[in-house]
């Protein structure tokens, strides 16, 4: 290991290993000259805001959407315009002009929907007409259950308008602080220069450790084990909560590490979340993920760190609260 400064884009051999992993796990053709290592998705967005997008650029942003990502872009002085989301993902009809659009097509955060193939193609066509960039955040695309994978927008992109944002936070650990960007070489050059000015790039020791995990096959084996583990937890949640329909309906269960429980009136998400917190079960509502209108009446249930027994226990508390709340309202009529 030399004593000079490392390439801010990442070690070439590590970029090659990450490119191969993305090809295996997501079907995306990437090469070392189209991939840049970052300290995670938030840094990726910050680099794009400073080095690629013009000052004060307009960005269409999913609503509800990733609040930390929204904060990064707004903090960089960009103008965010809400992009509505429904059960088929972001609504892409009649999109206004913009410099970029931010989407989570594999498993929309936080609603959990998957962007349908017709909408993917329509979004790509819009970006080509506008000369806009698509910021594709594929934060947990390695975890899919009972459904075939839909191709990443980047793999369908023939006009080089997609910037693919990946991360090892869900695959390995958020503590690793490692993500990556796949984009056209011209964009990568600007991002690499900005990363060199920001923090000089990843520590070589961390890069060599990740390189070993990737080239030894340990990351692939871990993903397979984790997928089986999370599938069992997801099945336990589904078994416990599906009987609540139509009072409460699970959506976004096909992929990822969280689901969304949509509540029917008279149930109120904020009231249910508060009651659950008093019983030791902590869930989120969509209030802080929504930035221009009243939030949808739903709970976000993350299960990435749970065992089957923990998921079952939490789901039973949710059932108890929902059923008791509904029964109490009915009696009061």
Protein backbone atom coordinates (compact mmCIF):
# COMPACT_ATOMS: atom_id res chain seq x y z
CA UNK A 1 0.00 0.00 0.00
CA UNK A 2 1.61 3.26 -1.11
CA UNK A 3 1.86 6.42 0.91
CA UNK A 4 0.39 8.80 -1.68
CA UNK A 5 -3.13 10.11 -2.00
CA UNK A 6 -5.63 7.56 -3.34
CA UNK A 7 -7.89 8.09 -6.34
CA UNK A 8 -10.95 9.95 -5.03
CA UNK A 9 -13.14 7.77 -7.27
CA UNK A 10 -11.96 4.65 -5.45
CA UNK A 11 -9.39 1.93 -6.06
CA UNK A 12 -9.70 0.70 -9.66
CA UNK A 13 -9.86 -2.94 -8.54
CA UNK A 14 -12.60 -2.12 -6.02
CA UNK A 15 -14.60 -0.20 -8.63
CA UNK A 16 -14.29 -3.26 -10.88
CA UNK A 17 -15.54 -5.53 -8.08
CA UNK A 18 -18.47 -3.23 -7.27
CA UNK A 19 -19.31 -3.03 -10.98
CA UNK A 20 -19.40 -6.82 -11.19
CA UNK A 21 -21.57 -7.02 -8.06
CA UNK A 22 -24.06 -4.52 -9.49
CA UNK A 23 -24.19 -6.59 -12.66
CA UNK A 24 -24.92 -9.78 -10.73
CA UNK A 25 -27.39 -8.33 -8.25
CA UNK A 26 -29.22 -5.74 -10.36
CA UNK A 27 -28.51 -6.61 -14.00
CA UNK A 28 -26.84 -3.25 -14.56
CA UNK A 29 -23.82 -3.08 -16.85
CA UNK A 30 -21.27 -0.90 -15.08
CA UNK A 31 -17.52 -0.52 -15.55
CA UNK A 32 -14.79 1.04 -13.39
CA UNK A 33 -14.80 4.18 -15.54
CA UNK A 34 -18.55 4.67 -14.98
CA UNK A 35 -18.53 4.03 -11.20
CA UNK A 36 -17.50 6.29 -8.32
CA UNK A 37 -17.35 5.31 -4.65
CA UNK A 38 -19.02 7.67 -2.18
CA UNK A 39 -19.69 7.81 1.55
CA UNK A 40 -23.32 6.88 0.93
CA UNK A 41 -26.40 8.10 -0.88
CA UNK A 42 -26.56 11.42 0.93
CA UNK A 43 -23.03 12.26 -0.11
CA UNK A 44 -23.85 11.12 -3.65
CA UNK A 45 -26.73 13.60 -3.76
CA UNK A 46 -24.57 16.36 -2.32
CA UNK A 47 -21.86 15.78 -4.92
CA UNK A 48 -24.45 15.88 -7.71
CA UNK A 49 -25.97 19.09 -6.33
CA UNK A 50 -22.60 20.84 -6.20
CA UNK A 51 -20.75 19.42 -9.20
CA UNK A 52 -23.37 18.52 -11.83
CA UNK A 53 -26.67 20.38 -11.35
CA UNK A 54 -26.73 24.14 -11.99
CA UNK A 55 -27.16 26.53 -9.07
CA UNK A 56 -30.81 26.80 -8.09
CA UNK A 57 -31.77 23.85 -10.31
CA UNK A 58 -35.34 22.54 -10.26
CA UNK A 59 -35.62 18.93 -9.11
CA UNK A 60 -38.83 16.90 -9.13
CA UNK A 61 -38.81 14.95 -5.86
CA UNK A 62 -41.10 12.13 -4.76
CA UNK A 63 -43.84 13.19 -2.35
CA UNK A 64 -43.88 11.49 0.10
CA UNK A 65 -40.18 10.82 -0.22
CA UNK A 66 -36.78 10.39 1.40
CA UNK A 67 -36.66 13.30 3.84
CA UNK A 68 -32.88 13.24 4.40
CA UNK A 69 -32.27 13.32 0.65
CA UNK A 70 -34.69 16.21 0.33
CA UNK A 71 -32.84 18.08 3.07
CA UNK A 72 -29.49 17.62 1.28
CA UNK A 73 -30.79 18.98 -2.02
CA UNK A 74 -32.65 21.87 -0.41
CA UNK A 75 -29.58 22.66 1.68
CA UNK A 76 -27.59 22.94 -1.55
CA UNK A 77 -29.98 25.64 -2.74
CA UNK A 78 -31.95 23.55 -5.23
CA UNK A 79 -35.66 24.08 -5.83
CA UNK A 80 -37.69 20.96 -5.13
CA UNK A 81 -41.07 20.37 -6.79
CA UNK A 82 -43.29 17.59 -5.39
CA UNK A 83 -43.75 14.50 -7.56
CA UNK A 84 -46.93 12.60 -6.58
CA UNK A 85 -46.73 8.87 -5.84
CA UNK A 86 -49.45 6.23 -6.06
CA UNK A 87 -49.66 2.42 -5.97
CA UNK A 88 -47.66 2.17 -9.22
CA UNK A 89 -44.89 4.51 -8.07
CA UNK A 90 -44.23 8.11 -9.09
CA UNK A 91 -46.89 9.61 -11.34
CA UNK A 92 -45.06 10.59 -14.53
CA UNK A 93 -47.89 11.99 -16.65
CA UNK A 94 -47.57 15.65 -17.70
CA UNK A 95 -44.33 16.29 -15.83
CA UNK A 96 -43.25 19.94 -15.74
CA UNK A 97 -39.84 21.06 -17.01
CA UNK A 98 -36.98 20.38 -14.59
CA UNK A 99 -33.24 19.85 -14.51
CA UNK A 100 -33.58 16.50 -12.71
CA UNK A 101 -35.99 14.09 -11.05
CA UNK A 102 -35.30 11.99 -7.96
CA UNK A 103 -37.00 8.58 -7.78
CA UNK A 104 -36.79 5.29 -5.86
CA UNK A 105 -38.27 2.99 -8.53
CA UNK A 106 -37.39 -0.43 -7.10
CA UNK A 107 -39.17 0.15 -3.77
CA UNK A 108 -40.51 3.65 -3.32
CA UNK A 109 -39.51 5.20 -0.06
CA UNK A 110 -41.61 5.27 2.04
CA UNK A 111 -44.78 3.89 0.36
CA UNK A 112 -43.05 0.77 -0.97
CA UNK A 113 -44.59 0.74 -4.46
CA UNK A 114 -42.61 -0.35 -7.52
CA UNK A 115 -42.46 1.91 -10.56
CA UNK A 116 -44.26 0.06 -13.36
CA UNK A 117 -42.44 -0.65 -16.61
CA UNK A 118 -44.66 1.69 -18.71
CA UNK A 119 -43.93 4.52 -16.28
CA UNK A 120 -40.21 3.73 -16.37
CA UNK A 121 -40.21 4.08 -20.13
CA UNK A 122 -42.30 7.26 -19.98
CA UNK A 123 -39.92 8.80 -17.44
CA UNK A 124 -36.91 7.98 -19.60
CA UNK A 125 -38.62 9.55 -22.62
CA UNK A 126 -39.38 12.71 -20.62
CA UNK A 127 -35.77 12.98 -19.45
CA UNK A 128 -34.50 12.66 -23.02
CA UNK A 129 -36.90 15.34 -24.28
CA UNK A 130 -36.03 17.69 -21.42
CA UNK A 131 -32.31 17.00 -21.35
CA UNK A 132 -32.90 16.26 -17.66
CA UNK A 133 -31.17 13.82 -15.34
CA UNK A 134 -32.91 10.98 -13.51
CA UNK A 135 -31.45 10.35 -10.06
CA UNK A 136 -32.29 6.67 -9.48
CA UNK A 137 -31.86 5.77 -5.81
CA UNK A 138 -31.78 1.97 -5.61
CA UNK A 139 -31.28 1.79 -1.86
CA UNK A 140 -32.55 -1.78 -1.24
CA UNK A 141 -32.97 -3.33 -4.69
CA UNK A 142 -31.17 -6.52 -3.65
CA UNK A 143 -34.16 -7.61 -1.55
CA UNK A 144 -37.12 -8.86 -3.60
CA UNK A 145 -39.79 -11.42 -2.63
CA UNK A 146 -42.24 -13.43 -4.76
CA UNK A 147 -41.93 -11.08 -7.75
CA UNK A 148 -39.52 -10.93 -10.68
CA UNK A 149 -37.17 -7.93 -10.65
CA UNK A 150 -37.98 -4.95 -12.81
CA UNK A 151 -34.95 -3.58 -14.69
CA UNK A 152 -33.29 -0.52 -13.19
CA UNK A 153 -33.94 2.67 -15.11
CA UNK A 154 -30.20 2.87 -15.74
CA UNK A 155 -30.26 -0.46 -17.60
CA UNK A 156 -33.03 0.84 -19.91
CA UNK A 157 -31.36 4.18 -20.51
CA UNK A 158 -30.00 4.65 -24.05
CA UNK A 159 -29.58 8.44 -23.79
CA UNK A 160 -27.26 8.45 -20.73
CA UNK A 161 -29.72 10.49 -18.68
CA UNK A 162 -29.80 8.22 -15.58
CA UNK A 163 -27.49 8.60 -12.59
CA UNK A 164 -27.71 5.38 -10.56
CA UNK A 165 -27.22 5.68 -6.79
CA UNK A 166 -26.37 2.50 -4.91
CA UNK A 167 -25.39 1.75 -1.33
CA UNK A 168 -24.03 -1.01 0.86
CA UNK A 169 -25.96 0.28 3.88
CA UNK A 170 -28.78 -2.27 3.52
CA UNK A 171 -26.62 -5.08 2.12
CA UNK A 172 -23.90 -4.87 4.80
CA UNK A 173 -24.20 -2.03 7.32
CA UNK A 174 -24.84 1.73 7.45
CA UNK A 175 -21.65 1.94 9.56
CA UNK A 176 -19.63 1.03 6.45
CA UNK A 177 -20.51 4.48 5.02
CA UNK A 178 -20.09 3.27 1.45
CA UNK A 179 -22.23 3.94 -1.59
CA UNK A 180 -21.56 4.42 -5.25
CA UNK A 181 -22.68 6.31 -8.32
CA UNK A 182 -22.95 4.83 -11.82
CA UNK A 183 -23.11 7.50 -14.54
CA UNK A 184 -21.64 8.61 -17.83
CA UNK A 185 -17.85 9.15 -17.68
CA UNK A 186 -18.18 12.91 -18.20
CA UNK A 187 -20.37 13.20 -15.12
CA UNK A 188 -18.09 10.88 -13.16
CA UNK A 189 -15.13 13.16 -13.82
CA UNK A 190 -16.96 16.13 -12.28
CA UNK A 191 -18.15 14.04 -9.31
CA UNK A 192 -14.68 12.63 -8.71
CA UNK A 193 -13.16 16.11 -8.71
CA UNK A 194 -15.78 17.28 -6.21
CA UNK A 195 -15.16 14.27 -3.98
CA UNK A 196 -11.42 14.99 -4.02
CA UNK A 197 -12.16 18.51 -2.77
CA UNK A 198 -14.71 17.30 -0.22
CA UNK A 199 -12.88 14.56 1.67
CA UNK A 200 -10.27 13.00 -0.62
CA UNK A 201 -12.15 9.72 -1.00
CA UNK A 202 -12.41 6.51 1.01
CA UNK A 203 -9.68 5.33 3.36
CA UNK A 204 -7.56 2.69 1.56
CA UNK A 205 -7.86 0.19 4.43
CA UNK A 206 -11.67 0.23 4.20
CA UNK A 207 -11.51 -0.15 0.44
CA UNK A 208 -9.23 -3.19 0.66
CA UNK A 209 -11.52 -4.79 3.25
CA UNK A 210 -14.58 -4.30 1.04
CA UNK A 211 -12.60 -5.57 -1.95
CA UNK A 212 -11.83 -8.79 -0.08
CA UNK A 213 -15.49 -9.28 0.89
CA UNK A 214 -16.62 -8.80 -2.71
CA UNK A 215 -13.97 -10.87 -4.49
CA UNK A 216 -14.16 -13.73 -1.97
CA UNK A 217 -17.89 -14.11 -2.63
CA UNK A 218 -18.76 -13.31 0.97
CA UNK A 219 -21.01 -10.37 0.05
CA UNK A 220 -23.01 -12.53 -2.38
CA UNK A 221 -23.37 -15.27 0.23
CA UNK A 222 -24.41 -12.73 2.83
CA UNK A 223 -27.04 -11.24 0.50
CA UNK A 224 -28.53 -14.69 -0.09
CA UNK A 225 -28.64 -15.39 3.65
CA UNK A 226 -30.07 -11.95 4.42
CA UNK A 227 -32.71 -12.30 1.71
CA UNK A 228 -33.92 -15.56 3.25
CA UNK A 229 -33.90 -14.02 6.74
CA UNK A 230 -35.81 -10.90 5.73
CA UNK A 231 -38.28 -12.96 3.67
CA UNK A 232 -39.18 -14.93 6.81
CA UNK A 233 -39.66 -11.74 8.82
CA UNK A 234 -41.74 -10.23 6.05
CA UNK A 235 -43.90 -13.38 5.91
CA UNK A 236 -44.47 -13.19 9.65
CA UNK A 237 -45.56 -9.55 9.40
CA UNK A 238 -47.84 -10.33 6.48
CA UNK A 239 -49.46 -13.27 8.28
CA UNK A 240 -50.19 -11.18 11.37
CA UNK A 241 -51.37 -7.98 9.68
CA UNK A 242 -53.18 -9.14 6.52
CA UNK A 243 -56.31 -10.14 8.50
CA UNK A 244 -56.75 -6.47 9.43
CA UNK A 245 -57.96 -5.62 5.92
CA UNK A 246 -59.96 -3.54 5.08
CA UNK A 247 -59.34 -1.65 8.34
CA UNK A 248 -55.62 -1.64 7.59
CA UNK A 249 -54.01 -2.77 4.34
CA UNK A 250 -50.36 -3.74 3.81
CA UNK A 251 -48.65 -2.42 0.69
CA UNK A 252 -45.11 -2.42 -0.57
CA UNK A 253 -44.48 -5.99 0.56
CA UNK A 254 -42.88 -7.21 -2.69
CA UNK A 255 -39.42 -5.83 -1.94
CA UNK A 256 -37.19 -4.02 0.52
CA UNK A 257 -36.97 -3.91 4.30
CA UNK A 258 -40.07 -1.92 5.18
CA UNK A 259 -43.79 -2.04 4.44
CA UNK A 260 -46.54 0.55 4.59
CA UNK A 261 -49.74 -0.10 6.53
CA UNK A 262 -52.53 2.05 5.11
CA UNK A 263 -55.33 2.83 7.58
CA UNK A 264 -58.99 3.32 6.71
CA UNK A 265 -61.16 5.92 8.48
CA UNK A 266 -61.92 6.35 11.31
CA UNK A 267 -58.40 5.14 12.12
CA UNK A 268 -55.87 7.97 12.39
CA UNK A 269 -52.20 7.24 11.79
CA UNK A 270 -50.87 9.77 14.32
CA UNK A 271 -53.18 8.49 17.06
CA UNK A 272 -52.35 4.84 16.35
CA UNK A 273 -48.59 5.59 16.28
CA UNK A 274 -48.79 7.36 19.64
CA UNK A 275 -50.73 4.48 21.18
CA UNK A 276 -48.20 1.99 19.83
CA UNK A 277 -45.29 4.01 21.24
CA UNK A 278 -46.90 3.83 24.67
CA UNK A 279 -46.86 0.04 24.25
CA UNK A 280 -43.22 -0.08 23.21
CA UNK A 281 -43.74 -0.40 19.44
CA UNK A 282 -42.26 2.46 17.42
CA UNK A 283 -43.51 3.19 13.91
CA UNK A 284 -43.50 6.30 11.73
CA UNK A 285 -46.31 8.12 10.03
CA UNK A 286 -45.95 9.81 6.64
CA UNK A 287 -46.11 13.33 8.09
CA UNK A 288 -42.38 14.07 7.96
CA UNK A 289 -41.97 12.43 4.54
CA UNK A 290 -44.60 14.69 2.95
CA UNK A 291 -43.82 18.29 2.09
CA UNK A 292 -46.71 19.97 0.29
CA UNK A 293 -50.01 18.42 1.31
CA UNK A 294 -51.71 16.46 4.09
CA UNK A 295 -49.96 13.08 4.43
CA UNK A 296 -51.54 9.79 3.52
CA UNK A 297 -53.07 7.95 6.47
CA UNK A 298 -50.47 5.20 6.87
CA UNK A 299 -47.74 3.76 9.08
CA UNK A 300 -44.20 2.92 7.94
CA UNK A 301 -43.05 -0.39 9.44
CA UNK A 302 -39.32 -1.10 9.16
CA UNK A 303 -38.26 -4.69 9.80
CA UNK A 304 -34.63 -4.82 8.66
CA UNK A 305 -33.30 -5.31 12.19
CA UNK A 306 -36.01 -7.64 13.53
CA UNK A 307 -36.20 -11.36 14.17
CA UNK A 308 -39.31 -13.33 13.27
CA UNK A 309 -40.40 -13.39 16.92
CA UNK A 310 -39.88 -9.65 17.31
CA UNK A 311 -41.84 -8.96 14.13
CA UNK A 312 -44.69 -11.19 15.30
CA UNK A 313 -44.82 -9.54 18.71
CA UNK A 314 -44.83 -6.05 17.24
CA UNK A 315 -47.44 -6.96 14.64
CA UNK A 316 -49.71 -8.38 17.32
CA UNK A 317 -49.50 -5.11 19.24
CA UNK A 318 -50.44 -3.29 16.06
CA UNK A 319 -53.42 -5.61 15.57
CA UNK A 320 -54.54 -5.06 19.15
CA UNK A 321 -54.41 -1.28 18.84
CA UNK A 322 -56.09 -1.14 15.43
CA UNK A 323 -58.87 -3.54 16.42
CA UNK A 324 -59.45 -1.87 19.80
CA UNK A 325 -59.48 1.62 18.30
CA UNK A 326 -61.93 0.57 15.61
CA UNK A 327 -64.19 -1.28 18.04
CA UNK A 328 -64.25 1.72 20.38
CA UNK A 329 -65.28 4.07 17.58
CA UNK A 330 -68.04 1.70 16.50
CA UNK A 331 -69.43 1.46 20.03
CA UNK A 332 -69.51 5.24 20.39
CA UNK A 333 -71.81 5.66 17.41
